[in-house]
């Protein structure tokens, strides 16, 4: 059960603040659960959370995952994955949205 936000909590409703839906999870919990899920299904630890976006009661979390380690590491192949979670944090599904080399500068 999530803790109620204190009256006057200036983080609530602000970017970077914690906003929790009734009977749901907040963005930080969504990111954590998406990382756990992707690790379980791929057998590899995601490197970083790229984005966490609410969609109604659901969440879309984008993660970066090392798919192929190379030498030098700037040529590593990274995958960008989206994990979709329900309002309670249960995984709905995932898919890879892109691949790129670690040393690549710019938008993929």
PDB file of N, CA and C in Angstrom:
ATOM      1  N   UNK A   1       0.855  -1.171   0.000  1.00  0.00           N
ATOM      2  CA  UNK A   1       0.000   0.000   0.000  1.00  0.00           C
ATOM      3  C   UNK A   1       0.898   1.230   0.000  1.00  0.00           C
ATOM      4  N   UNK A   2       0.615   2.192  -0.819  1.00  0.00           N
ATOM      5  CA  UNK A   2       1.449   3.387  -0.897  1.00  0.00           C
ATOM      6  C   UNK A   2       1.114   4.346   0.232  1.00  0.00           C
ATOM      7  N   UNK A   3       2.124   5.158   0.587  1.00  0.00           N
ATOM      8  CA  UNK A   3       1.936   6.138   1.650  1.00  0.00           C
ATOM      9  C   UNK A   3       1.208   7.347   1.103  1.00  0.00           C
ATOM     10  N   UNK A   4       0.273   7.918   1.866  1.00  0.00           N
ATOM     11  CA  UNK A   4      -0.402   9.127   1.395  1.00  0.00           C
ATOM     12  C   UNK A   4       0.583  10.280   1.368  1.00  0.00           C
ATOM     13  N   UNK A   5       0.408  11.178   0.413  1.00  0.00           N
ATOM     14  CA  UNK A   5       1.269  12.345   0.321  1.00  0.00           C
ATOM     15  C   UNK A   5       0.854  13.349   1.385  1.00  0.00           C
ATOM     16  N   UNK A   6       1.832  13.949   2.004  1.00  0.00           N
ATOM     17  CA  UNK A   6       1.569  14.930   3.053  1.00  0.00           C
ATOM     18  C   UNK A   6       0.974  16.184   2.448  1.00  0.00           C
ATOM     19  N   UNK A   7       0.057  16.807   3.181  1.00  0.00           N
ATOM     20  CA  UNK A   7      -0.517  18.073   2.722  1.00  0.00           C
ATOM     21  C   UNK A   7       0.606  19.075   2.573  1.00  0.00           C
ATOM     22  N   UNK A   8       0.611  19.789   1.485  1.00  0.00           N
ATOM     23  CA  UNK A   8       1.633  20.785   1.239  1.00  0.00           C
ATOM     24  C   UNK A   8       2.908  20.207   0.652  1.00  0.00           C
ATOM     25  N   UNK A   9       2.928  18.909   0.325  1.00  0.00           N
ATOM     26  CA  UNK A   9       4.106  18.307  -0.288  1.00  0.00           C
ATOM     27  C   UNK A   9       4.304  18.947  -1.648  1.00  0.00           C
ATOM     28  N   UNK A  10       5.377  19.727  -1.781  1.00  0.00           N
ATOM     29  CA  UNK A  10       5.558  20.486  -3.020  1.00  0.00           C
ATOM     30  C   UNK A  10       6.025  19.625  -4.175  1.00  0.00           C
ATOM     31  N   UNK A  11       6.299  18.342  -3.957  1.00  0.00           N
ATOM     32  CA  UNK A  11       6.679  17.465  -5.058  1.00  0.00           C
ATOM     33  C   UNK A  11       5.464  16.936  -5.807  1.00  0.00           C
ATOM     34  N   UNK A  12       4.336  16.851  -5.148  1.00  0.00           N
ATOM     35  CA  UNK A  12       3.148  16.255  -5.757  1.00  0.00           C
ATOM     36  C   UNK A  12       2.689  17.062  -6.960  1.00  0.00           C
ATOM     37  N   UNK A  13       2.500  16.381  -8.076  1.00  0.00           N
ATOM     38  CA  UNK A  13       1.975  17.026  -9.271  1.00  0.00           C
ATOM     39  C   UNK A  13       3.002  17.810 -10.062  1.00  0.00           C
ATOM     40  N   UNK A  14       4.263  17.810  -9.611  1.00  0.00           N
ATOM     41  CA  UNK A  14       5.311  18.519 -10.335  1.00  0.00           C
ATOM     42  C   UNK A  14       6.180  17.531 -11.080  1.00  0.00           C
ATOM     43  N   UNK A  15       6.795  17.945 -12.201  1.00  0.00           N
ATOM     44  CA  UNK A  15       7.734  17.050 -12.872  1.00  0.00           C
ATOM     45  C   UNK A  15       8.809  16.615 -11.892  1.00  0.00           C
ATOM     46  N   UNK A  16       9.091  15.323 -11.866  1.00  0.00           N
ATOM     47  CA  UNK A  16      10.070  14.787 -10.938  1.00  0.00           C
ATOM     48  C   UNK A  16       9.475  14.435  -9.592  1.00  0.00           C
ATOM     49  N   UNK A  17       8.255  14.895  -9.312  1.00  0.00           N
ATOM     50  CA  UNK A  17       7.584  14.564  -8.057  1.00  0.00           C
ATOM     51  C   UNK A  17       6.947  13.199  -8.163  1.00  0.00           C
ATOM     52  N   UNK A  18       6.448  12.716  -7.050  1.00  0.00           N
ATOM     53  CA  UNK A  18       5.816  11.392  -7.042  1.00  0.00           C
ATOM     54  C   UNK A  18       4.314  11.564  -7.112  1.00  0.00           C
ATOM     55  N   UNK A  19       3.727  11.069  -8.165  1.00  0.00           N
ATOM     56  CA  UNK A  19       2.282  11.110  -8.332  1.00  0.00           C
ATOM     57  C   UNK A  19       1.804   9.669  -8.355  1.00  0.00           C
ATOM     58  N   UNK A  20       0.913   9.316  -7.467  1.00  0.00           N
ATOM     59  CA  UNK A  20       0.405   7.956  -7.381  1.00  0.00           C
ATOM     60  C   UNK A  20      -1.080   7.950  -7.697  1.00  0.00           C
ATOM     61  N   UNK A  21      -1.467   7.069  -8.599  1.00  0.00           N
ATOM     62  CA  UNK A  21      -2.878   6.893  -8.902  1.00  0.00           C
ATOM     63  C   UNK A  21      -3.528   6.094  -7.780  1.00  0.00           C
ATOM     64  N   UNK A  22      -4.814   6.298  -7.524  1.00  0.00           N
ATOM     65  CA  UNK A  22      -5.496   5.486  -6.511  1.00  0.00           C
ATOM     66  C   UNK A  22      -5.359   4.001  -6.854  1.00  0.00           C
ATOM     67  N   UNK A  23      -4.951   3.197  -5.883  1.00  0.00           N
ATOM     68  CA  UNK A  23      -4.765   1.756  -6.039  1.00  0.00           C
ATOM     69  C   UNK A  23      -3.745   1.416  -7.118  1.00  0.00           C
ATOM     70  N   UNK A  24      -2.872   2.360  -7.485  1.00  0.00           N
ATOM     71  CA  UNK A  24      -1.893   2.102  -8.523  1.00  0.00           C
ATOM     72  C   UNK A  24      -0.478   2.320  -8.036  1.00  0.00           C
ATOM     73  N   UNK A  25       0.426   2.521  -8.984  1.00  0.00           N
ATOM     74  CA  UNK A  25       1.825   2.734  -8.678  1.00  0.00           C
ATOM     75  C   UNK A  25       2.268   4.078  -9.224  1.00  0.00           C
ATOM     76  N   UNK A  26       3.375   4.582  -8.713  1.00  0.00           N
ATOM     77  CA  UNK A  26       3.907   5.837  -9.224  1.00  0.00           C
ATOM     78  C   UNK A  26       4.987   5.548 -10.275  1.00  0.00           C
ATOM     79  N   UNK A  27       5.536   6.595 -10.868  1.00  0.00           N
ATOM     80  CA  UNK A  27       6.500   6.452 -11.961  1.00  0.00           C
ATOM     81  C   UNK A  27       7.754   5.710 -11.516  1.00  0.00           C
ATOM     82  N   UNK A  28       8.240   5.980 -10.326  1.00  0.00           N
ATOM     83  CA  UNK A  28       9.450   5.301  -9.833  1.00  0.00           C
ATOM     84  C   UNK A  28       9.196   3.807  -9.683  1.00  0.00           C
ATOM     85  N   UNK A  29       8.042   3.441  -9.147  1.00  0.00           N
ATOM     86  CA  UNK A  29       7.710   2.018  -9.003  1.00  0.00           C
ATOM     87  C   UNK A  29       7.543   1.369 -10.370  1.00  0.00           C
ATOM     88  N   UNK A  30       6.954   2.080 -11.326  1.00  0.00           N
ATOM     89  CA  UNK A  30       6.803   1.548 -12.682  1.00  0.00           C
ATOM     90  C   UNK A  30       8.172   1.278 -13.293  1.00  0.00           C
ATOM     91  N   UNK A  31       9.114   2.194 -13.125  1.00  0.00           N
ATOM     92  CA  UNK A  31      10.468   2.010 -13.657  1.00  0.00           C
ATOM     93  C   UNK A  31      11.127   0.785 -13.029  1.00  0.00           C
ATOM     94  N   UNK A  32      11.023   0.652 -11.710  1.00  0.00           N
ATOM     95  CA  UNK A  32      11.621  -0.494 -11.014  1.00  0.00           C
ATOM     96  C   UNK A  32      11.024  -1.815 -11.491  1.00  0.00           C
ATOM     97  N   UNK A  33       9.714  -1.860 -11.611  1.00  0.00           N
ATOM     98  CA  UNK A  33       9.052  -3.109 -12.029  1.00  0.00           C
ATOM     99  C   UNK A  33       9.375  -3.451 -13.474  1.00  0.00           C
ATOM    100  N   UNK A  34       9.487  -2.446 -14.330  1.00  0.00           N
ATOM    101  CA  UNK A  34       9.856  -2.694 -15.731  1.00  0.00           C
ATOM    102  C   UNK A  34      11.281  -3.243 -15.821  1.00  0.00           C
ATOM    103  N   UNK A  35      12.196  -2.704 -15.008  1.00  0.00           N
ATOM    104  CA  UNK A  35      13.572  -3.206 -15.003  1.00  0.00           C
ATOM    105  C   UNK A  35      13.618  -4.659 -14.537  1.00  0.00           C
ATOM    106  N   UNK A  36      12.878  -4.979 -13.476  1.00  0.00           N
ATOM    107  CA  UNK A  36      12.824  -6.358 -12.977  1.00  0.00           C
ATOM    108  C   UNK A  36      12.271  -7.297 -14.043  1.00  0.00           C
ATOM    109  N   UNK A  37      11.176  -6.886 -14.687  1.00  0.00           N
ATOM    110  CA  UNK A  37      10.534  -7.718 -15.698  1.00  0.00           C
ATOM    111  C   UNK A  37      11.462  -7.975 -16.878  1.00  0.00           C
ATOM    112  N   UNK A  38      12.075  -6.917 -17.421  1.00  0.00           N
ATOM    113  CA  UNK A  38      12.936  -7.083 -18.591  1.00  0.00           C
ATOM    114  C   UNK A  38      14.144  -7.957 -18.249  1.00  0.00           C
ATOM    115  N   UNK A  39      14.654  -7.817 -17.047  1.00  0.00           N
ATOM    116  CA  UNK A  39      15.761  -8.663 -16.601  1.00  0.00           C
ATOM    117  C   UNK A  39      15.338 -10.134 -16.565  1.00  0.00           C
ATOM    118  N   UNK A  40      14.135 -10.393 -16.061  1.00  0.00           N
ATOM    119  CA  UNK A  40      13.628 -11.765 -15.986  1.00  0.00           C
ATOM    120  C   UNK A  40      13.443 -12.387 -17.366  1.00  0.00           C
ATOM    121  N   UNK A  41      12.875 -11.646 -18.308  1.00  0.00           N
ATOM    122  CA  UNK A  41      12.565 -12.239 -19.613  1.00  0.00           C
ATOM    123  C   UNK A  41      13.764 -12.302 -20.552  1.00  0.00           C
ATOM    124  N   UNK A  42      14.769 -11.452 -20.344  1.00  0.00           N
ATOM    125  CA  UNK A  42      15.940 -11.462 -21.227  1.00  0.00           C
ATOM    126  C   UNK A  42      17.154 -12.133 -20.600  1.00  0.00           C
ATOM    127  N   UNK A  43      17.181 -12.232 -19.264  1.00  0.00           N
ATOM    128  CA  UNK A  43      18.343 -12.783 -18.589  1.00  0.00           C
ATOM    129  C   UNK A  43      19.484 -11.791 -18.468  1.00  0.00           C
ATOM    130  N   UNK A  44      19.240 -10.522 -18.820  1.00  0.00           N
ATOM    131  CA  UNK A  44      20.258  -9.484 -18.736  1.00  0.00           C
ATOM    132  C   UNK A  44      19.701  -8.288 -17.979  1.00  0.00           C
ATOM    133  N   UNK A  45      20.586  -7.570 -17.290  1.00  0.00           N
ATOM    134  CA  UNK A  45      20.165  -6.398 -16.534  1.00  0.00           C
ATOM    135  C   UNK A  45      20.080  -5.177 -17.455  1.00  0.00           C
ATOM    136  N   UNK A  46      18.950  -4.487 -17.472  1.00  0.00           N
ATOM    137  CA  UNK A  46      18.874  -3.236 -18.224  1.00  0.00           C
ATOM    138  C   UNK A  46      19.889  -2.240 -17.662  1.00  0.00           C
ATOM    139  N   UNK A  47      20.441  -1.404 -18.537  1.00  0.00           N
ATOM    140  CA  UNK A  47      21.447  -0.441 -18.106  1.00  0.00           C
ATOM    141  C   UNK A  47      20.839   0.831 -17.539  1.00  0.00           C
ATOM    142  N   UNK A  48      19.755   1.315 -18.156  1.00  0.00           N
ATOM    143  CA  UNK A  48      19.214   2.600 -17.729  1.00  0.00           C
ATOM    144  C   UNK A  48      17.745   2.715 -18.154  1.00  0.00           C
ATOM    145  N   UNK A  49      16.991   3.467 -17.367  1.00  0.00           N
ATOM    146  CA  UNK A  49      15.623   3.815 -17.740  1.00  0.00           C
ATOM    147  C   UNK A  49      15.704   5.092 -18.560  1.00  0.00           C
ATOM    148  N   UNK A  50      15.133   5.069 -19.765  1.00  0.00           N
ATOM    149  CA  UNK A  50      15.159   6.216 -20.666  1.00  0.00           C
ATOM    150  C   UNK A  50      13.937   7.106 -20.435  1.00  0.00           C
ATOM    151  N   UNK A  51      12.758   6.493 -20.258  1.00  0.00           N
ATOM    152  CA  UNK A  51      11.530   7.275 -20.098  1.00  0.00           C
ATOM    153  C   UNK A  51      10.484   6.455 -19.361  1.00  0.00           C
ATOM    154  N   UNK A  52       9.632   7.157 -18.614  1.00  0.00           N
ATOM    155  CA  UNK A  52       8.469   6.559 -17.945  1.00  0.00           C
ATOM    156  C   UNK A  52       7.298   7.469 -18.263  1.00  0.00           C
ATOM    157  N   UNK A  53       6.275   6.919 -18.939  1.00  0.00           N
ATOM    158  CA  UNK A  53       5.142   7.734 -19.362  1.00  0.00           C
ATOM    159  C   UNK A  53       3.826   7.080 -18.966  1.00  0.00           C
ATOM    160  N   UNK A  54       2.954   7.832 -18.309  1.00  0.00           N
ATOM    161  CA  UNK A  54       1.620   7.287 -18.008  1.00  0.00           C
ATOM    162  C   UNK A  54       0.757   7.301 -19.266  1.00  0.00           C
ATOM    163  N   UNK A  55      -0.146   6.339 -19.345  1.00  0.00           N
ATOM    164  CA  UNK A  55      -1.107   6.267 -20.445  1.00  0.00           C
ATOM    165  C   UNK A  55      -2.429   5.814 -19.823  1.00  0.00           C
ATOM    166  N   UNK A  56      -3.223   6.779 -19.401  1.00  0.00           N
ATOM    167  CA  UNK A  56      -4.433   6.446 -18.653  1.00  0.00           C
ATOM    168  C   UNK A  56      -4.003   5.849 -17.326  1.00  0.00           C
ATOM    169  N   UNK A  57      -4.445   4.624 -17.051  1.00  0.00           N
ATOM    170  CA  UNK A  57      -4.044   3.939 -15.829  1.00  0.00           C
ATOM    171  C   UNK A  57      -2.791   3.086 -16.018  1.00  0.00           C
ATOM    172  N   UNK A  58      -2.317   2.935 -17.247  1.00  0.00           N
ATOM    173  CA  UNK A  58      -1.166   2.095 -17.556  1.00  0.00           C
ATOM    174  C   UNK A  58       0.110   2.931 -17.632  1.00  0.00           C
ATOM    175  N   UNK A  59       1.248   2.240 -17.777  1.00  0.00           N
ATOM    176  CA  UNK A  59       2.549   2.891 -17.884  1.00  0.00           C
ATOM    177  C   UNK A  59       3.321   2.314 -19.060  1.00  0.00           C
ATOM    178  N   UNK A  60       4.081   3.165 -19.755  1.00  0.00           N
ATOM    179  CA  UNK A  60       5.021   2.750 -20.794  1.00  0.00           C
ATOM    180  C   UNK A  60       6.405   3.155 -20.293  1.00  0.00           C
ATOM    181  N   UNK A  61       7.305   2.177 -20.198  1.00  0.00           N
ATOM    182  CA  UNK A  61       8.652   2.432 -19.697  1.00  0.00           C
ATOM    183  C   UNK A  61       9.647   2.034 -20.776  1.00  0.00           C
ATOM    184  N   UNK A  62      10.544   2.955 -21.144  1.00  0.00           N
ATOM    185  CA  UNK A  62      11.588   2.673 -22.121  1.00  0.00           C
ATOM    186  C   UNK A  62      12.899   2.431 -21.392  1.00  0.00           C
ATOM    187  N   UNK A  63      13.564   1.337 -21.764  1.00  0.00           N
ATOM    188  CA  UNK A  63      14.802   0.912 -21.121  1.00  0.00           C
ATOM    189  C   UNK A  63      15.873   0.623 -22.155  1.00  0.00           C
ATOM    190  N   UNK A  64      17.129   0.796 -21.758  1.00  0.00           N
ATOM    191  CA  UNK A  64      18.255   0.470 -22.610  1.00  0.00           C
ATOM    192  C   UNK A  64      18.907  -0.801 -22.068  1.00  0.00           C
ATOM    193  N   UNK A  65      19.218  -1.741 -22.987  1.00  0.00           N
ATOM    194  CA  UNK A  65      19.752  -3.039 -22.601  1.00  0.00           C
ATOM    195  C   UNK A  65      20.957  -3.361 -23.481  1.00  0.00           C
ATOM    196  N   UNK A  66      22.057  -3.800 -22.870  1.00  0.00           N
ATOM    197  CA  UNK A  66      23.230  -4.229 -23.616  1.00  0.00           C
ATOM    198  C   UNK A  66      22.916  -5.561 -24.285  1.00  0.00           C
ATOM    199  N   UNK A  67      22.954  -5.590 -25.614  1.00  0.00           N
ATOM    200  CA  UNK A  67      22.652  -6.823 -26.338  1.00  0.00           C
ATOM    201  C   UNK A  67      23.910  -7.551 -26.802  1.00  0.00           C
ATOM    202  N   UNK A  68      24.968  -6.792 -27.090  1.00  0.00           N
ATOM    203  CA  UNK A  68      26.203  -7.409 -27.564  1.00  0.00           C
ATOM    204  C   UNK A  68      27.383  -6.556 -27.104  1.00  0.00           C
ATOM    205  N   UNK A  69      28.215  -7.146 -26.232  1.00  0.00           N
ATOM    206  CA  UNK A  69      29.400  -6.435 -25.747  1.00  0.00           C
ATOM    207  C   UNK A  69      30.530  -6.605 -26.753  1.00  0.00           C
ATOM    208  N   UNK A  70      31.222  -5.510 -27.036  1.00  0.00           N
ATOM    209  CA  UNK A  70      32.334  -5.526 -27.984  1.00  0.00           C
ATOM    210  C   UNK A  70      33.499  -4.737 -27.420  1.00  0.00           C
ATOM    211  N   UNK A  71      34.647  -4.907 -28.053  1.00  0.00           N
ATOM    212  CA  UNK A  71      35.826  -4.120 -27.711  1.00  0.00           C
ATOM    213  C   UNK A  71      36.181  -3.303 -28.944  1.00  0.00           C
ATOM    214  N   UNK A  72      36.300  -1.990 -28.842  1.00  0.00           N
ATOM    215  CA  UNK A  72      36.075  -1.166 -27.655  1.00  0.00           C
ATOM    216  C   UNK A  72      34.577  -1.066 -27.339  1.00  0.00           C
ATOM    217  N   UNK A  73      34.264  -0.677 -26.101  1.00  0.00           N
ATOM    218  CA  UNK A  73      32.860  -0.660 -25.670  1.00  0.00           C
ATOM    219  C   UNK A  73      32.015   0.372 -26.409  1.00  0.00           C
ATOM    220  N   UNK A  74      32.644   1.308 -27.117  1.00  0.00           N
ATOM    221  CA  UNK A  74      31.861   2.268 -27.905  1.00  0.00           C
ATOM    222  C   UNK A  74      31.174   1.589 -29.084  1.00  0.00           C
ATOM    223  N   UNK A  75      31.567   0.345 -29.383  1.00  0.00           N
ATOM    224  CA  UNK A  75      30.912  -0.399 -30.465  1.00  0.00           C
ATOM    225  C   UNK A  75      29.911  -1.429 -29.939  1.00  0.00           C
ATOM    226  N   UNK A  76      29.664  -1.435 -28.598  1.00  0.00           N
ATOM    227  CA  UNK A  76      28.624  -2.297 -28.031  1.00  0.00           C
ATOM    228  C   UNK A  76      27.304  -2.050 -28.758  1.00  0.00           C
ATOM    229  N   UNK A  77      26.500  -3.102 -28.891  1.00  0.00           N
ATOM    230  CA  UNK A  77      25.171  -2.960 -29.477  1.00  0.00           C
ATOM    231  C   UNK A  77      24.159  -2.893 -28.341  1.00  0.00           C
ATOM    232  N   UNK A  78      23.390  -1.799 -28.306  1.00  0.00           N
ATOM    233  CA  UNK A  78      22.378  -1.577 -27.289  1.00  0.00           C
ATOM    234  C   UNK A  78      20.994  -1.702 -27.916  1.00  0.00           C
ATOM    235  N   UNK A  79      20.059  -2.219 -27.156  1.00  0.00           N
ATOM    236  CA  UNK A  79      18.673  -2.290 -27.590  1.00  0.00           C
ATOM    237  C   UNK A  79      17.830  -1.356 -26.745  1.00  0.00           C
ATOM    238  N   UNK A  80      16.892  -0.696 -27.376  1.00  0.00           N
ATOM    239  CA  UNK A  80      15.938   0.154 -26.676  1.00  0.00           C
ATOM    240  C   UNK A  80      14.629  -0.622 -26.626  1.00  0.00           C
ATOM    241  N   UNK A  81      14.130  -0.858 -25.413  1.00  0.00           N
ATOM    242  CA  UNK A  81      12.927  -1.657 -25.206  1.00  0.00           C
ATOM    243  C   UNK A  81      11.844  -0.830 -24.543  1.00  0.00           C
ATOM    244  N   UNK A  82      10.594  -1.147 -24.891  1.00  0.00           N
ATOM    245  CA  UNK A  82       9.452  -0.573 -24.198  1.00  0.00           C
ATOM    246  C   UNK A  82       8.746  -1.691 -23.451  1.00  0.00           C
ATOM    247  N   UNK A  83       8.529  -1.464 -22.154  1.00  0.00           N
ATOM    248  CA  UNK A  83       7.773  -2.389 -21.316  1.00  0.00           C
ATOM    249  C   UNK A  83       6.472  -1.697 -20.955  1.00  0.00           C
ATOM    250  N   UNK A  84       5.356  -2.378 -21.181  1.00  0.00           N
ATOM    251  CA  UNK A  84       4.039  -1.839 -20.857  1.00  0.00           C
ATOM    252  C   UNK A  84       3.554  -2.509 -19.575  1.00  0.00           C
ATOM    253  N   UNK A  85       3.106  -1.673 -18.623  1.00  0.00           N
ATOM    254  CA  UNK A  85       2.624  -2.146 -17.331  1.00  0.00           C
ATOM    255  C   UNK A  85       1.194  -1.696 -17.108  1.00  0.00           C
ATOM    256  N   UNK A  86       0.414  -2.532 -16.433  1.00  0.00           N
ATOM    257  CA  UNK A  86      -0.931  -2.146 -16.032  1.00  0.00           C
ATOM    258  C   UNK A  86      -0.867  -1.212 -14.833  1.00  0.00           C
ATOM    259  N   UNK A  87      -2.008  -0.716 -14.426  1.00  0.00           N
ATOM    260  CA  UNK A  87      -2.089   0.259 -13.338  1.00  0.00           C
ATOM    261  C   UNK A  87      -1.478  -0.258 -12.044  1.00  0.00           C
ATOM    262  N   UNK A  88      -1.565  -1.550 -11.784  1.00  0.00           N
ATOM    263  CA  UNK A  88      -1.012  -2.127 -10.569  1.00  0.00           C
ATOM    264  C   UNK A  88       0.434  -2.549 -10.706  1.00  0.00           C
ATOM    265  N   UNK A  89       1.043  -2.308 -11.868  1.00  0.00           N
ATOM    266  CA  UNK A  89       2.432  -2.651 -12.082  1.00  0.00           C
ATOM    267  C   UNK A  89       2.653  -4.001 -12.724  1.00  0.00           C
ATOM    268  N   UNK A  90       1.570  -4.693 -13.091  1.00  0.00           N
ATOM    269  CA  UNK A  90       1.721  -5.997 -13.713  1.00  0.00           C
ATOM    270  C   UNK A  90       2.146  -5.823 -15.176  1.00  0.00           C
ATOM    271  N   UNK A  91       3.131  -6.630 -15.638  1.00  0.00           N
ATOM    272  CA  UNK A  91       3.577  -6.519 -17.027  1.00  0.00           C
ATOM    273  C   UNK A  91       2.474  -6.931 -17.995  1.00  0.00           C
ATOM    274  N   UNK A  92       2.281  -6.125 -19.021  1.00  0.00           N
ATOM    275  CA  UNK A  92       1.327  -6.425 -20.077  1.00  0.00           C
ATOM    276  C   UNK A  92       2.072  -6.972 -21.291  1.00  0.00           C
ATOM    277  N   UNK A  93       3.280  -6.451 -21.529  1.00  0.00           N
ATOM    278  CA  UNK A  93       4.083  -6.905 -22.650  1.00  0.00           C
ATOM    279  C   UNK A  93       5.310  -6.031 -22.819  1.00  0.00           C
ATOM    280  N   UNK A  94       6.127  -6.416 -23.795  1.00  0.00           N
ATOM    281  CA  UNK A  94       7.321  -5.626 -24.104  1.00  0.00           C
ATOM    282  C   UNK A  94       7.698  -5.834 -25.564  1.00  0.00           C
ATOM    283  N   UNK A  95       8.461  -4.900 -26.100  1.00  0.00           N
ATOM    284  CA  UNK A  95       9.010  -5.062 -27.441  1.00  0.00           C
ATOM    285  C   UNK A  95      10.232  -4.164 -27.610  1.00  0.00           C
ATOM    286  N   UNK A  96      11.115  -4.576 -28.523  1.00  0.00           N
ATOM    287  CA  UNK A  96      12.289  -3.764 -28.822  1.00  0.00           C
ATOM    288  C   UNK A  96      11.888  -2.706 -29.833  1.00  0.00           C
ATOM    289  N   UNK A  97      12.260  -1.477 -29.556  1.00  0.00           N
ATOM    290  CA  UNK A  97      11.900  -0.370 -30.450  1.00  0.00           C
ATOM    291  C   UNK A  97      13.071   0.118 -31.280  1.00  0.00           C
ATOM    292  N   UNK A  98      14.278  -0.341 -30.964  1.00  0.00           N
ATOM    293  CA  UNK A  98      15.431   0.074 -31.751  1.00  0.00           C
ATOM    294  C   UNK A  98      16.708  -0.575 -31.276  1.00  0.00           C
ATOM    295  N   UNK A  99      17.751  -0.476 -32.128  1.00  0.00           N
ATOM    296  CA  UNK A  99      19.096  -0.958 -31.804  1.00  0.00           C
ATOM    297  C   UNK A  99      20.083   0.071 -32.308  1.00  0.00           C
ATOM    298  N   UNK A 100      21.201   0.216 -31.598  1.00  0.00           N
ATOM    299  CA  UNK A 100      22.218   1.171 -32.013  1.00  0.00           C
ATOM    300  C   UNK A 100      23.532   0.857 -31.309  1.00  0.00           C
ATOM    301  N   UNK A 101      24.613   1.441 -31.813  1.00  0.00           N
ATOM    302  CA  UNK A 101      25.923   1.294 -31.177  1.00  0.00           C
ATOM    303  C   UNK A 101      26.065   2.330 -30.073  1.00  0.00           C
ATOM    304  N   UNK A 102      26.695   1.941 -28.982  1.00  0.00           N
ATOM    305  CA  UNK A 102      26.873   2.814 -27.833  1.00  0.00           C
ATOM    306  C   UNK A 102      27.524   4.143 -28.221  1.00  0.00           C
ATOM    307  N   UNK A 103      28.477   4.128 -29.117  1.00  0.00           N
ATOM    308  CA  UNK A 103      29.195   5.334 -29.495  1.00  0.00           C
ATOM    309  C   UNK A 103      28.445   6.229 -30.475  1.00  0.00           C
ATOM    310  N   UNK A 104      27.259   5.830 -30.909  1.00  0.00           N
ATOM    311  CA  UNK A 104      26.484   6.613 -31.872  1.00  0.00           C
ATOM    312  C   UNK A 104      25.941   7.869 -31.198  1.00  0.00           C
ATOM    313  N   UNK A 105      26.216   9.011 -31.784  1.00  0.00           N
ATOM    314  CA  UNK A 105      25.727  10.283 -31.246  1.00  0.00           C
ATOM    315  C   UNK A 105      24.542  10.720 -32.082  1.00  0.00           C
ATOM    316  N   UNK A 106      23.476  11.144 -31.422  1.00  0.00           N
ATOM    317  CA  UNK A 106      22.291  11.629 -32.138  1.00  0.00           C
ATOM    318  C   UNK A 106      21.084  10.788 -31.842  1.00  0.00           C
ATOM    319  N   UNK A 107      19.977  11.190 -32.400  1.00  0.00           N
ATOM    320  CA  UNK A 107      18.715  10.479 -32.200  1.00  0.00           C
ATOM    321  C   UNK A 107      18.693   9.246 -33.084  1.00  0.00           C
ATOM    322  N   UNK A 108      18.141   8.133 -32.550  1.00  0.00           N
ATOM    323  CA  UNK A 108      18.030   6.923 -33.345  1.00  0.00           C
ATOM    324  C   UNK A 108      16.709   6.845 -34.049  1.00  0.00           C
TER     325      UNK A 108
END
